[in-house]
Each structure stands twice: as C-alpha cells, then as structure tokens.
Amino acid sequence: MDRIFSGIQPSGEIHIGNYVGAIRNWVRLVDRYDCVYCVVDYHAITIEYEVALMQKRILDTATILVASGLTPDKCIVVVQSHVPEHTELAWIFNCVTPIGELERMTQFKEKAKQHRQNINMGLLDYPVLQAADILIYKAGYVPVGEDQIQHVELSREIARKFNVRFGDTFPEPKVLLSDAPRILGTDGNAKMSKSLNNAIGLLDPPEAIREKLRTAATCPHRQRRSDPGHPEHCNIFTMHQAFSKPDQIASIDRHCRTAGIGCIECKEILFKNMVEEIGPIQDRVREIHKRPQYMIEVLKSGADRCKAIVTEVMDEVRTKIGVKSEWMS
C-alpha cells in the first residue's frame, strides 16, 4: 500500500477541532494506506513551553491517538524525537533549501508576529524538518488541512532539489485534503485554541461540553428566537456538519431558516451527538490510563518499526551525498 505520514504537536489539550480536522480522518485512512502518525515534539519546542509538562503532553497526545482508533495493529504511532534520523535528514535538506523559500512561508510570518520575543531558527526552519518527517518514510501522501498545503508543496520542492543534485531518491508527496468542515472556537471568530479559551476539549466531561455549547456564539444575524437564521454563517451549524447525522443536518438547516427551531434546542441536539461520538474515546482513554505501561510499549514498538524503515533510507541518503564511510559499518 502507499504510505501516509502526518503529525500532530503535543502542544496542549486536544480539542474537537483537532479531532474533526485531523484525527478522525486519519482513522478512516488506515485500511487503505500504510500509515505513520507522529507526535512531533521537536516542532513543539519552537515556541516557549513548560519543560516539566512536555513528557505528559507527549503521552497524552499519543494516548488520544490510540484511543481514537489508531492502534498498533492498524498503523504506526511514533514520537518524533524517538527517531533521531528525522533531524539528521532535516540538516541535509537544509543544504538544498533556499532561505528565500522559508522566508516566504505564511506560517513563519504569522508565528513571527505572535512570538516577536522569540523569533528563532526553529520557526524559520520548521518546514524543512516537516519535509524530513515526511520524506524519510518516502510517504506518497500527506493528509493535512488547507493551512498546511504550502508546507507540503515545499516538501515536494525539497525532494526535487535533492533528487536533481544527488540522484532519484525521494517521491514528491501529494496532499490528501480532508473534507471535514473547519470548526472555529466557541467564540465563532478565531481558530479553536485552549490559549484563547474558546476550545471544547476532546476529553472534557459532558457537563463542561454542554456549558461551553450553551454560551457559544451562534448565527450573528439571529438576535431573537423568532428571527430566521442563516446556518451558513453559524459555527454551531458547522459543528452539526461534523457530528450530526445527515437527516438531522438537513432538518436543522430547514428549521433554522424558518425560525422553527431555537438556538438552545439546536445546541442540545449537537451536545447529544457530540457526546455520543467522543464518549467512547474518553472511555478508552480511561482504560489506557489504568495500564500506563501499555502506551510505553506502543511508542517503543512504533520507534522500532520506524527505525527499520529510516535506517535503510538514511543509508541510501548518506551514500548518495558522499558521507557514508564503509569502514564505519
């Protein structure tokens, strides 16, 4: 099967935006592709963070991936820093990547504005490490959101530059775009984020989810119960598209436009559907927490399986760039 690679940062609480936009789609791909899913901890250190919490964040993120259905019998779940060849290949790619390409990256410009006090080389070089993450597995496809297309395009460009200079080695990975709707935060304006206090956590208890939905922004054009709504402008309706059944979505769309349903009732339907889907994930997380050694074994196995792949790839790369010494074997 064709290989897929994608990664998620252990940057804090996993929320329903992460789940709908990435994790749920990853689960759907495991039967059709050879999948490697990575907790990209080196990407997470480009901004300020609590060192003492990093290991917990790594394990919590990996646990959610497995609890969501990305089990070792179906795919590989691995931690980026457990496979040091990622960073070795990134350095090699640095030597074929023009600085101008990195300075034009939209995400670098945005991150530089957000972290003016810490504009480090990691922020600039982030896409090169991402290219190494993908290409070290010779992945043919990368499931990403629209905001990451530019990075995958750079990965293709880096593969081309390496292949031209050193010989055909890496495939040019293609984007697999999810058709999942883009969910905003509960404020209805910004991307869902714990730091903005507008996120619904995947592990939030039901009453916390209900409360967050109760106060969440709805259609800005609807001020009273009797006003007709505009679902296409309502973030709650977008959440329905992610969690509700097709007949419910059609019914809510129709009744919202005719003021046949109020926002409170609409949110209660969404709450029930959301809990119905993520409740079993929360149950599996609790079961995994009862066996802490299980996740350690999963991640050790993931690293071993990845090393079997990347050792061969890096042996080829070192030979082609002329640094492999036979007498060191």
Protein backbone atom coordinates (compact mmCIF):
# COMPACT_ATOMS: atom_id res chain seq x y z
CA MET A 1 0.00 0.00 0.00
CA ASP A 2 1.01 3.62 -0.50
CA ARG A 3 2.44 5.18 2.64
CA ILE A 4 0.95 8.14 4.51
CA PHE A 5 2.68 10.34 7.04
CA SER A 6 1.15 13.02 9.20
CA GLY A 7 1.96 14.58 12.55
CA ILE A 8 0.38 16.35 15.49
CA GLN A 9 2.09 18.60 18.02
CA PRO A 10 1.86 17.82 21.73
CA SER A 11 1.05 21.46 22.30
CA GLY A 12 -1.60 21.00 24.97
CA GLU A 13 -5.19 19.88 25.15
CA ILE A 14 -6.52 18.06 22.09
CA HIS A 15 -9.82 19.67 21.15
CA ILE A 16 -12.65 18.77 18.80
CA GLY A 17 -11.12 20.94 16.06
CA ASN A 18 -8.02 18.70 16.11
CA TYR A 19 -10.21 15.62 16.18
CA VAL A 20 -12.50 16.59 13.29
CA GLY A 21 -9.78 18.23 11.20
CA ALA A 22 -7.15 15.52 11.53
CA ILE A 23 -7.51 12.54 13.85
CA ARG A 24 -10.90 11.27 12.67
CA ASN A 25 -9.72 11.44 9.06
CA TRP A 26 -6.50 9.58 9.96
CA VAL A 27 -8.58 6.73 11.39
CA ARG A 28 -10.50 6.45 8.12
CA LEU A 29 -7.27 6.10 6.13
CA VAL A 30 -5.67 3.17 7.95
CA ASP A 31 -7.49 0.50 5.95
CA ARG A 32 -6.33 1.94 2.60
CA TYR A 33 -2.79 3.09 3.33
CA ASP A 34 0.35 2.15 5.24
CA CYS A 35 0.11 4.91 7.85
CA VAL A 36 2.70 6.53 10.10
CA TYR A 37 1.31 9.04 12.58
CA CYS A 38 3.77 11.05 14.61
CA VAL A 39 3.70 13.12 17.79
CA VAL A 40 6.03 15.85 16.56
CA ASP A 41 7.61 17.02 19.80
CA TYR A 42 10.57 18.79 18.15
CA HIS A 43 8.11 21.03 16.31
CA ALA A 44 6.51 21.93 19.64
CA ILE A 45 9.70 23.40 21.12
CA THR A 46 9.92 26.27 18.60
CA ILE A 47 7.81 28.38 20.97
CA GLU A 48 8.04 28.83 24.73
CA TYR A 49 6.68 25.89 26.73
CA GLU A 50 6.77 24.26 30.16
CA VAL A 51 9.60 21.75 30.09
CA ALA A 52 8.24 19.85 33.08
CA LEU A 53 4.95 19.22 31.26
CA MET A 54 6.35 18.08 27.92
CA GLN A 55 6.50 14.33 28.66
CA LYS A 56 2.91 14.35 29.91
CA ARG A 57 1.78 16.21 26.82
CA ILE A 58 3.55 13.71 24.57
CA LEU A 59 1.98 10.72 26.30
CA ASP A 60 -1.47 12.35 26.49
CA THR A 61 -1.42 13.13 22.77
CA ALA A 62 -0.30 9.61 21.84
CA THR A 63 -2.95 8.13 24.13
CA ILE A 64 -5.71 10.08 22.41
CA LEU A 65 -4.48 8.92 19.00
CA VAL A 66 -4.61 5.27 20.09
CA ALA A 67 -7.95 5.69 21.90
CA SER A 68 -9.41 7.26 18.74
CA GLY A 69 -8.64 4.08 16.79
CA LEU A 70 -5.01 4.45 15.67
CA THR A 71 -3.99 1.20 17.29
CA PRO A 72 -0.66 -0.59 16.62
CA ASP A 73 -2.36 -3.35 14.64
CA LYS A 74 -3.60 -0.77 12.13
CA CYS A 75 -0.79 1.80 11.87
CA ILE A 76 2.37 3.14 13.46
CA VAL A 77 2.19 5.76 16.20
CA VAL A 78 5.61 7.20 17.00
CA VAL A 79 7.23 10.13 18.79
CA GLN A 80 9.43 12.26 16.53
CA SER A 81 12.36 12.55 18.96
CA HIS A 82 12.47 8.76 19.34
CA VAL A 83 13.70 8.54 15.73
CA PRO A 84 16.73 10.90 15.53
CA GLU A 85 17.11 10.31 11.79
CA HIS A 86 14.33 12.88 11.34
CA THR A 87 16.63 15.68 12.45
CA GLU A 88 19.64 14.26 10.61
CA LEU A 89 17.75 14.34 7.33
CA ALA A 90 16.46 17.83 8.14
CA TRP A 91 20.07 19.10 8.34
CA ILE A 92 20.86 17.53 4.97
CA PHE A 93 17.74 19.13 3.49
CA ASN A 94 18.84 22.49 4.93
CA CYS A 95 21.74 22.32 2.49
CA VAL A 96 19.46 22.18 -0.57
CA THR A 97 16.73 24.57 0.63
CA PRO A 98 16.98 28.28 -0.31
CA ILE A 99 16.45 30.63 2.63
CA GLY A 100 14.13 32.72 0.48
CA GLU A 101 11.70 29.79 0.22
CA LEU A 102 11.45 29.65 4.01
CA GLU A 103 11.07 33.39 4.47
CA ARG A 104 8.04 33.33 2.16
CA MET A 105 6.20 30.72 4.22
CA THR A 106 2.90 32.10 5.51
CA GLN A 107 3.09 30.23 8.80
CA PHE A 108 6.55 31.66 9.56
CA LYS A 109 5.24 35.18 9.05
CA GLU A 110 2.27 34.50 11.34
CA LYS A 111 4.38 32.83 14.03
CA ALA A 112 6.94 35.62 13.91
CA LYS A 113 4.17 38.13 14.66
CA GLN A 114 2.82 36.00 17.51
CA HIS A 115 6.23 35.36 19.07
CA ARG A 116 8.16 38.57 18.46
CA GLN A 117 10.22 37.99 21.59
CA ASN A 118 11.37 34.57 20.35
CA ILE A 119 11.82 34.55 16.56
CA ASN A 120 14.24 31.63 16.46
CA MET A 121 15.70 29.48 13.69
CA GLY A 122 13.26 26.73 14.58
CA LEU A 123 10.33 28.90 13.49
CA LEU A 124 12.03 29.57 10.16
CA ASP A 125 13.28 26.01 9.66
CA TYR A 126 10.06 24.30 10.76
CA PRO A 127 9.03 23.37 7.17
CA VAL A 128 12.40 21.70 6.46
CA LEU A 129 12.02 19.42 9.47
CA GLN A 130 8.46 18.76 8.34
CA ALA A 131 9.78 17.77 4.91
CA ALA A 132 12.24 15.41 6.58
CA ASP A 133 9.43 13.92 8.68
CA ILE A 134 7.51 13.08 5.51
CA LEU A 135 10.29 12.11 3.13
CA ILE A 136 12.29 9.92 5.50
CA TYR A 137 9.41 7.43 5.17
CA LYS A 138 9.15 8.07 1.42
CA ALA A 139 5.50 8.86 2.04
CA GLY A 140 3.40 9.34 -1.07
CA TYR A 141 0.56 11.19 0.63
CA VAL A 142 0.14 13.65 3.48
CA PRO A 143 -3.33 14.25 4.98
CA VAL A 144 -3.43 17.92 6.00
CA GLY A 145 -5.69 20.92 6.28
CA GLU A 146 -5.59 23.77 3.79
CA ASP A 147 -3.26 25.77 6.05
CA GLN A 148 -0.54 23.13 5.58
CA ILE A 149 -0.66 22.83 1.78
CA GLN A 150 2.19 25.32 1.39
CA HIS A 151 4.41 23.17 3.61
CA VAL A 152 3.70 20.02 1.62
CA GLU A 153 4.48 21.93 -1.58
CA LEU A 154 7.84 22.87 -0.08
CA SER A 155 8.42 19.19 0.76
CA ARG A 156 7.85 18.40 -2.92
CA GLU A 157 10.29 21.15 -3.91
CA ILE A 158 12.94 19.86 -1.48
CA ALA A 159 12.51 16.32 -2.82
CA ARG A 160 13.01 17.63 -6.37
CA LYS A 161 16.13 19.62 -5.45
CA PHE A 162 17.67 16.65 -3.64
CA ASN A 163 16.85 14.26 -6.49
CA VAL A 164 18.35 16.60 -9.13
CA ARG A 165 21.56 17.07 -7.17
CA PHE A 166 22.13 13.57 -5.79
CA GLY A 167 20.02 11.22 -7.88
CA ASP A 168 16.45 9.94 -7.71
CA THR A 169 15.73 9.17 -4.06
CA PHE A 170 12.50 10.68 -2.75
CA PRO A 171 8.94 10.69 -4.11
CA GLU A 172 7.10 14.01 -4.32
CA PRO A 173 4.34 13.62 -1.72
CA LYS A 174 0.79 14.60 -2.59
CA VAL A 175 -1.75 16.33 -0.38
CA LEU A 176 -4.79 14.44 0.87
CA LEU A 177 -7.25 17.14 1.85
CA SER A 178 -9.90 16.27 4.39
CA ASP A 179 -13.49 17.14 3.55
CA ALA A 180 -14.18 17.84 7.22
CA PRO A 181 -15.70 21.25 7.95
CA ARG A 182 -13.41 23.83 9.57
CA ILE A 183 -14.63 24.37 13.11
CA LEU A 184 -13.94 27.69 14.79
CA GLY A 185 -13.72 28.25 18.52
CA THR A 186 -16.81 28.75 20.67
CA ASP A 187 -16.47 32.50 20.09
CA GLY A 188 -17.26 31.88 16.43
CA ASN A 189 -14.37 34.08 15.27
CA ALA A 190 -10.95 32.55 15.88
CA LYS A 191 -9.40 29.14 15.36
CA MET A 192 -10.19 26.83 18.27
CA SER A 193 -7.40 27.12 20.83
CA LYS A 194 -7.01 26.46 24.53
CA SER A 195 -4.93 29.63 24.86
CA LEU A 196 -7.87 31.67 23.53
CA ASN A 197 -10.26 29.95 25.96
CA ASN A 198 -12.57 29.03 23.08
CA ALA A 199 -11.92 25.28 22.82
CA ILE A 200 -14.04 22.22 23.54
CA GLY A 201 -11.57 19.60 24.72
CA LEU A 202 -11.89 16.08 23.40
CA LEU A 203 -11.67 14.84 27.00
CA ASP A 204 -13.98 17.47 28.52
CA PRO A 205 -16.70 15.88 30.70
CA PRO A 206 -20.25 16.07 29.28
CA GLU A 207 -21.39 18.89 31.56
CA ALA A 208 -18.38 21.00 30.62
CA ILE A 209 -19.18 20.45 26.94
CA ARG A 210 -22.82 21.38 27.49
CA GLU A 211 -21.83 24.59 29.27
CA LYS A 212 -19.35 25.58 26.55
CA LEU A 213 -22.00 24.99 23.89
CA ARG A 214 -24.61 26.89 25.92
CA THR A 215 -22.53 30.07 25.80
CA ALA A 216 -21.09 29.50 22.31
CA ALA A 217 -21.69 32.05 19.58
CA THR A 218 -24.39 31.27 17.03
CA CYS A 219 -25.57 32.99 13.84
CA PRO A 220 -24.68 36.68 14.25
CA HIS A 221 -27.77 37.68 12.25
CA ARG A 222 -30.20 35.99 14.63
CA GLN A 223 -30.95 38.03 17.75
CA ARG A 224 -34.29 36.53 18.86
CA ARG A 225 -35.93 33.11 18.85
CA SER A 226 -38.41 34.29 16.23
CA ASP A 227 -35.73 35.54 13.83
CA PRO A 228 -34.89 33.31 10.84
CA GLY A 229 -31.31 32.08 10.97
CA HIS A 230 -28.54 31.69 8.43
CA PRO A 231 -26.86 28.32 9.05
CA GLU A 232 -24.08 29.07 6.58
CA HIS A 233 -22.89 31.80 8.97
CA CYS A 234 -23.32 29.78 12.18
CA ASN A 235 -20.40 27.92 13.78
CA ILE A 236 -22.82 25.71 15.72
CA PHE A 237 -24.25 24.52 12.41
CA THR A 238 -20.70 23.79 11.23
CA MET A 239 -20.28 21.60 14.31
CA HIS A 240 -23.52 19.84 13.38
CA GLN A 241 -22.00 19.06 9.99
CA ALA A 242 -19.13 17.38 11.83
CA PHE A 243 -21.12 15.43 14.44
CA SER A 244 -24.77 15.09 13.42
CA LYS A 245 -26.44 12.66 11.04
CA PRO A 246 -27.33 13.84 7.51
CA ASP A 247 -31.09 13.86 8.13
CA GLN A 248 -30.60 15.90 11.31
CA ILE A 249 -28.37 18.37 9.49
CA ALA A 250 -30.98 18.83 6.75
CA SER A 251 -33.75 19.27 9.32
CA ILE A 252 -31.78 21.81 11.37
CA ASP A 253 -30.88 23.76 8.24
CA ARG A 254 -34.53 23.95 7.21
CA HIS A 255 -35.97 24.78 10.63
CA CYS A 256 -33.24 27.31 11.44
CA ARG A 257 -34.04 29.31 8.30
CA THR A 258 -37.74 29.40 9.19
CA ALA A 259 -37.28 30.03 12.93
CA GLY A 260 -38.79 26.61 13.54
CA ILE A 261 -36.01 25.73 15.96
CA GLY A 262 -34.27 27.86 18.57
CA CYS A 263 -30.56 28.01 19.28
CA ILE A 264 -30.96 26.30 22.68
CA GLU A 265 -32.69 23.28 21.14
CA CYS A 266 -30.19 23.25 18.28
CA LYS A 267 -27.27 23.17 20.74
CA GLU A 268 -28.85 20.39 22.80
CA ILE A 269 -29.10 18.16 19.72
CA LEU A 270 -25.47 18.90 18.92
CA PHE A 271 -24.43 18.16 22.51
CA LYS A 272 -26.04 14.71 22.43
CA ASN A 273 -24.44 13.82 19.09
CA MET A 274 -21.03 15.12 20.13
CA VAL A 275 -21.01 13.15 23.40
CA GLU A 276 -22.25 10.05 21.58
CA GLU A 277 -19.17 10.12 19.33
CA ILE A 278 -16.43 11.22 21.70
CA GLY A 279 -17.73 9.42 24.79
CA PRO A 280 -16.29 6.04 23.69
CA ILE A 281 -12.91 7.71 23.05
CA GLN A 282 -12.95 9.08 26.58
CA ASP A 283 -13.79 5.60 27.90
CA ARG A 284 -10.83 4.10 26.04
CA VAL A 285 -8.51 6.83 27.36
CA ARG A 286 -9.57 5.92 30.91
CA GLU A 287 -8.90 2.24 30.20
CA ILE A 288 -5.43 3.02 28.82
CA HIS A 289 -4.64 5.14 31.89
CA LYS A 290 -5.23 2.04 34.02
CA ARG A 291 -2.35 0.36 32.13
CA PRO A 292 0.36 3.05 31.86
CA GLN A 293 2.92 0.55 30.58
CA TYR A 294 0.76 -0.11 27.53
CA MET A 295 1.44 3.29 25.93
CA ILE A 296 5.15 2.98 26.62
CA GLU A 297 5.13 -0.35 24.78
CA VAL A 298 3.14 1.16 21.90
CA LEU A 299 5.61 4.00 21.46
CA LYS A 300 8.69 1.79 21.80
CA SER A 301 7.24 -0.54 19.18
CA GLY A 302 6.42 2.43 16.95
CA ALA A 303 10.01 3.68 17.19
CA ASP A 304 11.40 0.22 16.39
CA ARG A 305 9.14 -0.15 13.36
CA CYS A 306 10.09 3.31 12.12
CA LYS A 307 13.80 2.72 12.60
CA ALA A 308 13.55 -0.33 10.37
CA ILE A 309 12.32 2.00 7.62
CA VAL A 310 14.51 5.04 8.18
CA THR A 311 17.77 3.12 8.66
CA GLU A 312 17.55 1.89 5.09
CA VAL A 313 16.55 5.32 3.76
CA MET A 314 19.35 7.13 5.58
CA ASP A 315 21.89 4.56 4.44
CA GLU A 316 20.87 5.40 0.86
CA VAL A 317 20.99 9.15 1.56
CA ARG A 318 24.43 9.07 3.20
CA THR A 319 25.79 7.08 0.29
CA LYS A 320 24.38 9.48 -2.28
CA ILE A 321 25.70 12.63 -0.59
CA GLY A 322 29.12 11.04 -0.12
CA VAL A 323 29.40 10.88 3.69
CA LYS A 324 28.99 7.14 4.21
CA SER A 325 32.25 5.52 5.28
CA GLU A 326 32.35 1.78 4.64
CA TRP A 327 34.98 1.30 7.33
CA MET A 328 32.48 2.59 9.95
CA SER A 329 29.99 -0.20 9.20
